[in-house]
Amino acid sequence: MIGLVHLLVLAVLMATLGGTSGARLNPAVTIALTAVAGSPRPTS
């Protein structure tokens, strides 16, 4: 049951934040990709 709730929470977070962060939920990954590869800025 806990695993299912965790999966649903992650799915909702990815759906809501996907357009803003590219669905990267770990800030360390976003910072590292921006520093190394110059991650493209999302366009609205």
Protein backbone atom coordinates (compact mmCIF):
# COMPACT_ATOMS: atom_id res chain seq x y z
CA MET A 1 0.00 0.00 0.00
CA ILE A 2 2.80 2.45 0.87
CA GLY A 3 4.52 1.72 -2.44
CA LEU A 4 1.35 2.48 -4.39
CA VAL A 5 0.88 5.81 -2.59
CA HIS A 6 4.52 6.70 -3.24
CA LEU A 7 4.07 5.90 -6.94
CA LEU A 8 0.93 8.02 -7.19
CA VAL A 9 2.55 10.98 -5.42
CA LEU A 10 5.54 10.84 -7.78
CA ALA A 11 3.25 10.60 -10.80
CA VAL A 12 1.28 13.67 -9.67
CA LEU A 13 4.48 15.63 -8.98
CA MET A 14 5.88 14.76 -12.40
CA ALA A 15 2.63 15.74 -14.09
CA THR A 16 2.43 19.10 -12.32
CA LEU A 17 6.12 20.06 -12.34
CA GLY A 18 7.12 18.45 -15.63
CA GLY A 19 6.70 21.61 -17.67
CA THR A 20 8.74 23.69 -15.25
CA SER A 21 11.61 21.44 -14.32
CA GLY A 22 11.59 18.85 -17.08
CA ALA A 23 10.25 16.39 -14.47
CA ARG A 24 13.57 16.36 -12.63
CA LEU A 25 12.45 16.09 -9.02
CA ASN A 26 15.95 16.03 -7.56
CA PRO A 27 17.39 19.58 -7.44
CA ALA A 28 20.95 18.23 -7.46
CA VAL A 29 20.34 16.67 -10.89
CA THR A 30 18.93 19.91 -12.28
CA ILE A 31 21.84 21.97 -10.94
CA ALA A 32 24.42 19.47 -12.21
CA LEU A 33 22.90 19.31 -15.70
CA THR A 34 22.68 23.09 -15.89
CA ALA A 35 26.31 23.48 -14.80
CA VAL A 36 27.68 20.81 -17.13
CA ALA A 37 25.50 20.86 -20.21
CA GLY A 38 23.68 24.18 -19.97
CA SER A 39 20.26 22.57 -19.66
CA PRO A 40 17.75 24.39 -21.86
CA ARG A 41 15.29 26.72 -20.18
CA PRO A 42 11.66 25.65 -20.45
CA THR A 43 9.54 27.80 -22.73
CA SER A 44 5.97 28.61 -21.84
